[in-house]
């Protein structure tokens, strides 16, 4: 690793880590990324990139490539599964006077990481080490250091002015410096099934669809995958008490899909997964010279597609402040501002919105359920209220709110 007193060490080579590193390196801050795997993982996880995030990624020259490798999605829909009817459709075109990006791009998060990595490779002050697993973090008087498990099995310490933990919900960085991760875990798991079956041949679905049902709600959205015709991902609640192998057995998968979307033939399923879902927030997003971003700082259920976006927003916000501190003698208290801004966004918007999204889809009380659906219809039918709704769901409201926050 090249020596530099202002070097920032980024732990984790996912989209949040790579975007943090790119935003730093583009401004001239030397940066080193440590990734424990031997290459960037092509895991089928989050894909939705909201307008507020696209505004930030445009600063890094990433949006054109994301559009090329993803799907532009101008609308999203809410459906009532019981009746099979569409309740409401919201169009991001309502935001055309608010943002350069009145749409969502469905770009899988591994593609976002790859785009950032390719750009990072062309910058002299940046370096990425694969098969370098960070196993410990320590504070120093004027910086921080990480202990890394090298490919051959030896361990070595690396020092930097700052360490950024972008290493996910089980963050070694967060645990090493003892920051509590407060919150809860949902009792049910989530089941993700991915299929090339074209749901738009069944009904006029958007690329993003939310199905309310008191027994088995669902999210259904399309991603580009490796190109046309693309893939559709469905997310269902997993019944508590059942083992994972039962939930994703061939029989269970076909029963679940056919019960929701009727077909005569079996669904082709190219990916299936079960995972636990958490709503947790670190007590602080930084301590000394160690800063958290993305899932290392906060996790939430995926309904609404705001988790990845919030992490990418962390990345650019943090990079702006580290650039000022490292290159322009900015006050270290800028990290207090990062903590305040991103904690506010996390608690007031991300956590609150994702919990509300889940409750709306799974509501079982008939009167409350009907009230929720009626409110969605009324909101979609009123241009002013619809715009306010889309401003919130696109995360523009949250970004503008935190931009006004100062110390």
Protein backbone atom coordinates (compact mmCIF):
# COMPACT_ATOMS: atom_id res chain seq x y z
CA UNK A 1 0.00 0.00 0.00
CA UNK A 2 1.28 3.46 -0.89
CA UNK A 3 2.11 5.67 2.09
CA UNK A 4 0.12 8.89 2.42
CA UNK A 5 -0.91 10.70 5.60
CA UNK A 6 -4.35 11.46 4.16
CA UNK A 7 -5.11 7.95 2.91
CA UNK A 8 -8.62 6.67 3.62
CA UNK A 9 -9.06 2.94 4.14
CA UNK A 10 -12.41 1.62 2.94
CA UNK A 11 -13.50 -1.77 4.24
CA UNK A 12 -15.88 -3.53 1.84
CA UNK A 13 -15.99 -3.57 -1.96
CA UNK A 14 -19.75 -3.50 -2.42
CA UNK A 15 -21.58 -0.56 -3.99
CA UNK A 16 -21.32 1.65 -0.90
CA UNK A 17 -17.60 1.02 -0.46
CA UNK A 18 -16.79 1.46 -4.14
CA UNK A 19 -18.84 4.65 -4.48
CA UNK A 20 -17.25 6.09 -1.33
CA UNK A 21 -13.81 5.32 -2.73
CA UNK A 22 -14.64 6.74 -6.16
CA UNK A 23 -16.05 9.97 -4.73
CA UNK A 24 -12.88 10.40 -2.65
CA UNK A 25 -10.40 9.48 -5.38
CA UNK A 26 -12.03 11.72 -7.98
CA UNK A 27 -11.25 14.66 -5.69
CA UNK A 28 -7.65 13.54 -5.12
CA UNK A 29 -7.93 11.81 -1.74
CA UNK A 30 -5.78 8.65 -1.73
CA UNK A 31 -7.92 5.64 -0.96
CA UNK A 32 -7.45 1.90 -0.42
CA UNK A 33 -10.33 -0.57 -0.59
CA UNK A 34 -10.12 -3.94 1.15
CA UNK A 35 -12.49 -6.64 -0.14
CA UNK A 36 -12.49 -10.11 1.41
CA UNK A 37 -13.69 -11.93 -1.71
CA UNK A 38 -11.47 -12.59 -4.72
CA UNK A 39 -13.71 -10.57 -7.03
CA UNK A 40 -16.84 -8.42 -6.93
CA UNK A 41 -19.83 -10.63 -6.21
CA UNK A 42 -22.63 -10.79 -8.79
CA UNK A 43 -25.25 -11.40 -6.12
CA UNK A 44 -28.91 -10.76 -7.03
CA UNK A 45 -29.83 -8.26 -4.36
CA UNK A 46 -31.08 -4.65 -4.40
CA UNK A 47 -31.61 -2.96 -7.77
CA UNK A 48 -33.85 0.10 -7.46
CA UNK A 49 -31.96 3.39 -7.73
CA UNK A 50 -34.13 6.38 -6.87
CA UNK A 51 -33.97 9.90 -8.37
CA UNK A 52 -32.33 11.38 -5.26
CA UNK A 53 -29.51 8.85 -5.56
CA UNK A 54 -29.18 9.31 -9.32
CA UNK A 55 -28.58 13.02 -8.71
CA UNK A 56 -25.55 12.11 -6.56
CA UNK A 57 -24.22 9.37 -8.83
CA UNK A 58 -24.44 11.77 -11.79
CA UNK A 59 -21.69 13.78 -10.10
CA UNK A 60 -19.50 10.69 -10.41
CA UNK A 61 -20.35 10.11 -14.07
CA UNK A 62 -22.12 6.82 -13.38
CA UNK A 63 -25.71 7.32 -14.53
CA UNK A 64 -25.28 6.76 -18.26
CA UNK A 65 -23.69 3.37 -17.64
CA UNK A 66 -26.35 2.45 -15.08
CA UNK A 67 -29.01 3.31 -17.63
CA UNK A 68 -27.18 1.21 -20.22
CA UNK A 69 -26.94 -1.83 -17.94
CA UNK A 70 -30.27 -1.40 -16.20
CA UNK A 71 -33.92 -0.61 -16.91
CA UNK A 72 -35.50 2.84 -16.78
CA UNK A 73 -38.70 2.59 -14.76
CA UNK A 74 -40.92 5.70 -14.75
CA UNK A 75 -43.85 4.24 -12.73
CA UNK A 76 -44.62 1.97 -9.79
CA UNK A 77 -47.88 0.30 -8.87
CA UNK A 78 -49.84 -0.93 -5.86
CA UNK A 79 -52.11 -3.92 -6.32
CA UNK A 80 -54.74 -5.62 -4.19
CA UNK A 81 -53.92 -9.29 -4.41
CA UNK A 82 -57.30 -10.47 -3.12
CA UNK A 83 -59.27 -8.74 -5.86
CA UNK A 84 -56.52 -8.83 -8.50
CA UNK A 85 -57.02 -5.13 -9.22
CA UNK A 86 -54.54 -2.29 -9.44
CA UNK A 87 -55.12 0.17 -6.62
CA UNK A 88 -52.82 3.00 -7.68
CA UNK A 89 -50.10 3.90 -10.13
CA UNK A 90 -47.59 6.66 -9.48
CA UNK A 91 -45.55 8.29 -12.22
CA UNK A 92 -42.17 9.91 -11.59
CA UNK A 93 -42.97 12.32 -14.44
CA UNK A 94 -44.59 14.37 -11.66
CA UNK A 95 -41.03 15.25 -10.66
CA UNK A 96 -39.91 16.61 -14.04
CA UNK A 97 -39.62 20.14 -12.62
CA UNK A 98 -37.84 18.90 -9.49
CA UNK A 99 -35.06 16.71 -10.79
CA UNK A 100 -33.08 15.80 -13.88
CA UNK A 101 -34.06 12.19 -13.21
CA UNK A 102 -37.86 11.78 -13.07
CA UNK A 103 -37.57 8.00 -13.06
CA UNK A 104 -35.99 5.05 -11.29
CA UNK A 105 -33.22 2.93 -12.80
CA UNK A 106 -33.44 -0.77 -12.02
CA UNK A 107 -29.71 -1.50 -11.91
CA UNK A 108 -28.60 -4.44 -9.78
CA UNK A 109 -26.29 -3.35 -6.99
CA UNK A 110 -23.39 -5.51 -8.19
CA UNK A 111 -23.51 -3.63 -11.51
CA UNK A 112 -23.37 -0.33 -9.63
CA UNK A 113 -20.31 -1.59 -7.75
CA UNK A 114 -18.69 -2.75 -11.00
CA UNK A 115 -19.28 0.60 -12.70
CA UNK A 116 -17.69 2.44 -9.77
CA UNK A 117 -14.78 -0.05 -9.66
CA UNK A 118 -13.97 0.35 -13.35
CA UNK A 119 -13.80 4.11 -12.90
CA UNK A 120 -11.71 3.72 -9.77
CA UNK A 121 -9.14 1.60 -11.61
CA UNK A 122 -8.31 4.58 -13.81
CA UNK A 123 -7.40 6.88 -10.89
CA UNK A 124 -3.77 6.84 -9.71
CA UNK A 125 -4.47 7.61 -6.05
CA UNK A 126 -6.84 4.63 -5.67
CA UNK A 127 -6.08 0.96 -5.08
CA UNK A 128 -8.30 -2.07 -4.45
CA UNK A 129 -7.08 -5.23 -2.74
CA UNK A 130 -9.17 -8.37 -3.21
CA UNK A 131 -8.88 -11.38 -0.89
CA UNK A 132 -7.90 -8.97 1.87
CA UNK A 133 -10.24 -9.54 4.81
CA UNK A 134 -10.27 -6.94 7.57
CA UNK A 135 -10.45 -8.75 10.92
CA UNK A 136 -9.83 -5.93 13.40
CA UNK A 137 -9.82 -2.13 13.63
CA UNK A 138 -7.98 0.10 16.10
CA UNK A 139 -8.01 3.83 16.72
CA UNK A 140 -4.72 5.74 16.67
CA UNK A 141 -3.91 9.22 17.93
CA UNK A 142 -4.11 10.76 14.48
CA UNK A 143 -5.93 8.09 12.49
CA UNK A 144 -6.97 4.44 12.53
CA UNK A 145 -5.59 1.11 11.41
CA UNK A 146 -7.00 -2.17 10.19
CA UNK A 147 -5.64 -5.68 10.63
CA UNK A 148 -5.95 -7.59 7.37
CA UNK A 149 -5.90 -11.31 6.68
CA UNK A 150 -3.81 -11.59 3.52
CA UNK A 151 -4.34 -14.18 0.74
CA UNK A 152 -1.52 -16.38 2.02
CA UNK A 153 -2.91 -16.53 5.56
CA UNK A 154 -0.61 -13.97 7.21
CA UNK A 155 -1.96 -10.87 8.93
CA UNK A 156 -0.79 -7.30 8.50
CA UNK A 157 -1.77 -3.90 9.89
CA UNK A 158 -2.46 -0.97 7.55
CA UNK A 159 -2.79 2.61 8.80
CA UNK A 160 -4.77 5.52 7.39
CA UNK A 161 -6.15 8.86 8.43
CA UNK A 162 -9.69 7.45 8.38
CA UNK A 163 -11.28 4.02 8.15
CA UNK A 164 -14.69 3.72 6.49
CA UNK A 165 -16.71 0.66 7.43
CA UNK A 166 -18.83 -0.28 4.41
CA UNK A 167 -18.73 -3.98 5.24
CA UNK A 168 -22.41 -4.77 5.66
CA UNK A 169 -24.83 -5.55 8.45
CA UNK A 170 -22.37 -7.87 10.24
CA UNK A 171 -19.71 -5.18 10.05
CA UNK A 172 -16.36 -6.14 11.57
CA UNK A 173 -15.53 -2.43 11.67
CA UNK A 174 -18.59 -1.57 13.76
CA UNK A 175 -18.06 -4.52 16.10
CA UNK A 176 -14.34 -3.86 16.51
CA UNK A 177 -14.88 -0.35 17.84
CA UNK A 178 -17.86 -1.41 19.96
CA UNK A 179 -20.72 0.61 18.48
CA UNK A 180 -24.10 -0.97 19.45
CA UNK A 181 -26.53 -1.86 16.65
CA UNK A 182 -29.95 -1.08 18.11
CA UNK A 183 -33.27 -2.28 16.74
CA UNK A 184 -35.09 -5.52 16.08
CA UNK A 185 -35.42 -8.49 13.76
CA UNK A 186 -38.72 -9.29 12.06
CA UNK A 187 -40.15 -12.66 13.19
CA UNK A 188 -40.69 -13.87 9.62
CA UNK A 189 -37.97 -14.28 7.03
CA UNK A 190 -38.24 -13.09 3.42
CA UNK A 191 -38.27 -15.47 0.46
CA UNK A 192 -36.82 -14.22 -2.85
CA UNK A 193 -37.59 -16.08 -6.06
CA UNK A 194 -36.20 -15.00 -9.45
CA UNK A 195 -37.66 -16.12 -12.75
CA UNK A 196 -37.46 -15.22 -16.45
CA UNK A 197 -41.24 -15.63 -16.66
CA UNK A 198 -42.65 -12.39 -18.11
CA UNK A 199 -45.30 -11.12 -15.70
CA UNK A 200 -46.26 -8.34 -18.08
CA UNK A 201 -47.83 -11.02 -20.29
CA UNK A 202 -50.27 -11.69 -17.45
CA UNK A 203 -51.26 -8.13 -16.55
CA UNK A 204 -50.12 -4.59 -17.31
CA UNK A 205 -47.57 -4.51 -14.51
CA UNK A 206 -44.93 -1.85 -14.06
CA UNK A 207 -41.31 -2.85 -13.53
CA UNK A 208 -42.02 -2.20 -9.81
CA UNK A 209 -45.13 -3.65 -8.17
CA UNK A 210 -46.33 -3.96 -4.58
CA UNK A 211 -49.12 -6.40 -3.75
CA UNK A 212 -51.09 -5.95 -0.54
CA UNK A 213 -52.50 -9.10 1.01
CA UNK A 214 -53.26 -10.04 4.63
CA UNK A 215 -51.89 -13.55 4.14
CA UNK A 216 -49.06 -13.28 1.61
CA UNK A 217 -48.04 -9.85 0.36
CA UNK A 218 -45.51 -9.64 -2.45
CA UNK A 219 -43.06 -7.34 -4.20
CA UNK A 220 -42.51 -8.05 -7.88
CA UNK A 221 -39.97 -6.13 -9.94
CA UNK A 222 -37.95 -6.52 -13.09
CA UNK A 223 -34.19 -6.29 -13.60
CA UNK A 224 -32.17 -6.28 -16.81
CA UNK A 225 -29.88 -9.15 -15.75
CA UNK A 226 -27.59 -9.94 -18.71
CA UNK A 227 -29.95 -8.38 -21.22
CA UNK A 228 -33.36 -8.92 -22.81
CA UNK A 229 -35.72 -10.36 -21.80
CA UNK A 230 -34.46 -9.74 -18.25
CA UNK A 231 -35.57 -11.35 -14.99
CA UNK A 232 -38.40 -10.80 -12.53
CA UNK A 233 -37.81 -11.00 -8.78
CA UNK A 234 -40.56 -11.74 -6.32
CA UNK A 235 -40.27 -11.22 -2.57
CA UNK A 236 -42.68 -12.99 -0.18
CA UNK A 237 -42.93 -13.36 3.59
CA UNK A 238 -41.66 -16.73 4.77
CA UNK A 239 -43.83 -18.55 7.27
CA UNK A 240 -42.24 -18.61 10.71
CA UNK A 241 -41.13 -21.96 12.06
CA UNK A 242 -40.45 -23.60 8.70
CA UNK A 243 -36.85 -24.56 7.85
CA UNK A 244 -35.16 -22.83 4.92
CA UNK A 245 -34.98 -26.00 2.82
CA UNK A 246 -38.76 -26.35 3.09
CA UNK A 247 -39.43 -22.73 2.15
CA UNK A 248 -37.39 -22.95 -1.06
CA UNK A 249 -38.07 -26.56 -2.04
CA UNK A 250 -39.26 -27.07 -5.62
CA UNK A 251 -42.75 -27.92 -4.41
CA UNK A 252 -43.04 -24.89 -2.15
CA UNK A 253 -41.63 -22.52 -4.76
CA UNK A 254 -44.05 -23.66 -7.48
CA UNK A 255 -47.02 -23.61 -5.10
CA UNK A 256 -46.18 -20.08 -3.99
CA UNK A 257 -45.72 -18.70 -7.50
CA UNK A 258 -48.75 -20.47 -8.97
CA UNK A 259 -50.91 -19.41 -6.07
CA UNK A 260 -49.98 -15.83 -6.80
CA UNK A 261 -49.67 -15.82 -10.58
CA UNK A 262 -51.61 -18.65 -12.22
CA UNK A 263 -49.93 -20.59 -15.06
CA UNK A 264 -50.33 -24.10 -16.39
CA UNK A 265 -46.63 -24.92 -16.65
CA UNK A 266 -44.05 -24.74 -13.88
CA UNK A 267 -42.19 -21.50 -13.43
CA UNK A 268 -38.52 -21.53 -14.39
CA UNK A 269 -36.67 -20.36 -11.27
CA UNK A 270 -33.07 -19.25 -11.65
CA UNK A 271 -32.46 -18.09 -8.09
CA UNK A 272 -34.03 -18.68 -4.70
CA UNK A 273 -33.01 -17.36 -1.32
CA UNK A 274 -34.25 -16.96 2.26
CA UNK A 275 -32.94 -14.26 4.56
CA UNK A 276 -33.70 -12.68 7.90
CA UNK A 277 -34.77 -9.05 7.89
CA UNK A 278 -33.71 -6.47 10.44
CA UNK A 279 -34.50 -2.87 11.35
CA UNK A 280 -31.36 -1.67 13.12
CA UNK A 281 -29.38 1.56 13.42
CA UNK A 282 -25.92 2.05 14.89
CA UNK A 283 -25.90 4.29 17.96
CA UNK A 284 -23.44 6.56 16.17
CA UNK A 285 -22.15 6.57 12.61
CA UNK A 286 -18.61 7.52 13.61
CA UNK A 287 -16.16 7.28 16.45
CA UNK A 288 -12.83 9.05 16.29
CA UNK A 289 -11.33 8.27 12.90
CA UNK A 290 -13.65 5.38 12.09
CA UNK A 291 -16.87 6.04 10.13
CA UNK A 292 -19.74 3.75 9.17
CA UNK A 293 -21.78 3.82 5.96
CA UNK A 294 -24.46 1.70 4.36
CA UNK A 295 -25.56 -1.53 6.02
CA UNK A 296 -22.72 -1.25 8.52
CA UNK A 297 -24.57 1.78 9.90
CA UNK A 298 -28.21 0.83 9.31
CA UNK A 299 -30.33 -2.01 7.93
CA UNK A 300 -34.01 -2.18 7.06
CA UNK A 301 -36.53 -4.31 5.23
CA UNK A 302 -36.33 -3.95 1.42
CA UNK A 303 -39.92 -2.87 0.70
CA UNK A 304 -39.67 0.40 -1.22
CA UNK A 305 -36.08 -0.14 -2.27
CA UNK A 306 -34.55 2.54 -0.06
CA UNK A 307 -31.84 0.62 1.81
CA UNK A 308 -29.20 0.57 -0.93
CA UNK A 309 -30.09 4.14 -1.87
CA UNK A 310 -29.60 5.32 1.68
CA UNK A 311 -26.19 3.65 1.74
CA UNK A 312 -25.14 5.31 -1.52
CA UNK A 313 -26.33 8.64 -0.13
CA UNK A 314 -24.19 7.98 2.96
CA UNK A 315 -21.23 7.35 0.66
CA UNK A 316 -21.37 10.64 -1.23
CA UNK A 317 -22.24 12.68 1.86
CA UNK A 318 -19.32 11.19 3.77
CA UNK A 319 -16.88 11.55 0.87
CA UNK A 320 -17.69 15.25 0.57
CA UNK A 321 -16.80 15.77 4.22
CA UNK A 322 -13.65 13.64 4.17
CA UNK A 323 -12.42 15.54 1.11
CA UNK A 324 -12.83 18.80 3.00
CA UNK A 325 -11.05 17.43 6.09
CA UNK A 326 -8.19 15.73 4.25
CA UNK A 327 -7.46 18.28 1.53
CA UNK A 328 -8.82 21.61 2.74
CA UNK A 329 -8.12 21.61 6.47
CA UNK A 330 -11.80 21.13 7.23
CA UNK A 331 -12.78 20.74 10.87
CA UNK A 332 -13.08 17.17 12.15
CA UNK A 333 -16.51 18.25 13.40
CA UNK A 334 -17.74 17.77 9.85
CA UNK A 335 -18.14 14.14 10.88
CA UNK A 336 -20.57 15.31 13.56
CA UNK A 337 -22.55 16.85 10.72
CA UNK A 338 -22.33 13.61 8.72
CA UNK A 339 -23.62 11.75 11.75
CA UNK A 340 -26.46 14.20 12.31
CA UNK A 341 -27.55 14.37 8.68
CA UNK A 342 -27.40 10.67 7.91
CA UNK A 343 -28.85 9.62 11.28
CA UNK A 344 -31.78 11.96 10.65
CA UNK A 345 -32.32 10.51 7.18
CA UNK A 346 -32.09 6.98 8.53
CA UNK A 347 -34.45 7.34 11.46
CA UNK A 348 -36.98 9.85 10.16
CA UNK A 349 -37.25 8.52 6.63
CA UNK A 350 -35.66 5.12 5.92
CA UNK A 351 -36.65 3.29 9.09
CA UNK A 352 -40.05 4.95 9.38
CA UNK A 353 -40.92 4.52 5.70
CA UNK A 354 -39.85 0.89 5.36
CA UNK A 355 -41.74 -0.16 8.50
CA UNK A 356 -44.83 1.67 7.21
CA UNK A 357 -44.43 0.04 3.77
CA UNK A 358 -44.42 -3.44 5.30
CA UNK A 359 -47.40 -2.75 7.55
CA UNK A 360 -49.39 -1.36 4.62
CA UNK A 361 -48.89 -4.50 2.54
CA UNK A 362 -49.51 -7.03 5.31
CA UNK A 363 -52.43 -5.30 7.08
CA UNK A 364 -54.99 -7.94 8.11
CA UNK A 365 -57.74 -5.87 9.76
CA UNK A 366 -60.40 -5.48 7.01
CA UNK A 367 -61.36 -1.92 7.93
CA UNK A 368 -57.78 -0.68 8.24
CA UNK A 369 -56.79 -2.53 5.08
CA UNK A 370 -59.61 -0.92 3.11
CA UNK A 371 -58.72 2.49 4.52
CA UNK A 372 -55.10 2.04 3.40
CA UNK A 373 -56.12 1.09 -0.14
CA UNK A 374 -58.63 3.94 -0.35
CA UNK A 375 -55.94 6.39 0.74
CA UNK A 376 -53.60 5.14 -1.96
CA UNK A 377 -56.32 5.55 -4.60
CA UNK A 378 -57.18 9.04 -3.40
CA UNK A 379 -53.50 10.06 -3.31
CA UNK A 380 -52.84 8.78 -6.81
CA UNK A 381 -55.94 10.61 -8.06
CA UNK A 382 -54.86 13.99 -6.69
CA UNK A 383 -51.91 15.51 -8.58
CA UNK A 384 -50.66 17.55 -5.61
CA UNK A 385 -50.84 14.68 -3.15
CA UNK A 386 -49.40 12.26 -5.70
CA UNK A 387 -46.40 14.51 -6.26
CA UNK A 388 -45.82 14.78 -2.51
CA UNK A 389 -46.01 11.00 -2.25
CA UNK A 390 -43.52 10.46 -5.07
CA UNK A 391 -41.20 13.11 -3.64
CA UNK A 392 -41.06 11.02 -0.45
CA UNK A 393 -40.73 7.62 -2.10
CA UNK A 394 -38.04 8.92 -4.49
CA UNK A 395 -36.12 10.14 -1.40
CA UNK A 396 -35.96 13.71 -2.70
CA UNK A 397 -37.84 14.98 0.35
CA UNK A 398 -35.35 13.34 2.69
CA UNK A 399 -32.31 14.60 0.78
CA UNK A 400 -33.60 18.17 0.78
CA UNK A 401 -34.42 17.96 4.47
CA UNK A 402 -30.95 16.83 5.51
CA UNK A 403 -29.25 19.30 3.18
CA UNK A 404 -30.77 22.03 5.35
CA UNK A 405 -29.31 20.59 8.54
CA UNK A 406 -26.22 22.22 9.97
CA UNK A 407 -24.39 22.16 13.28
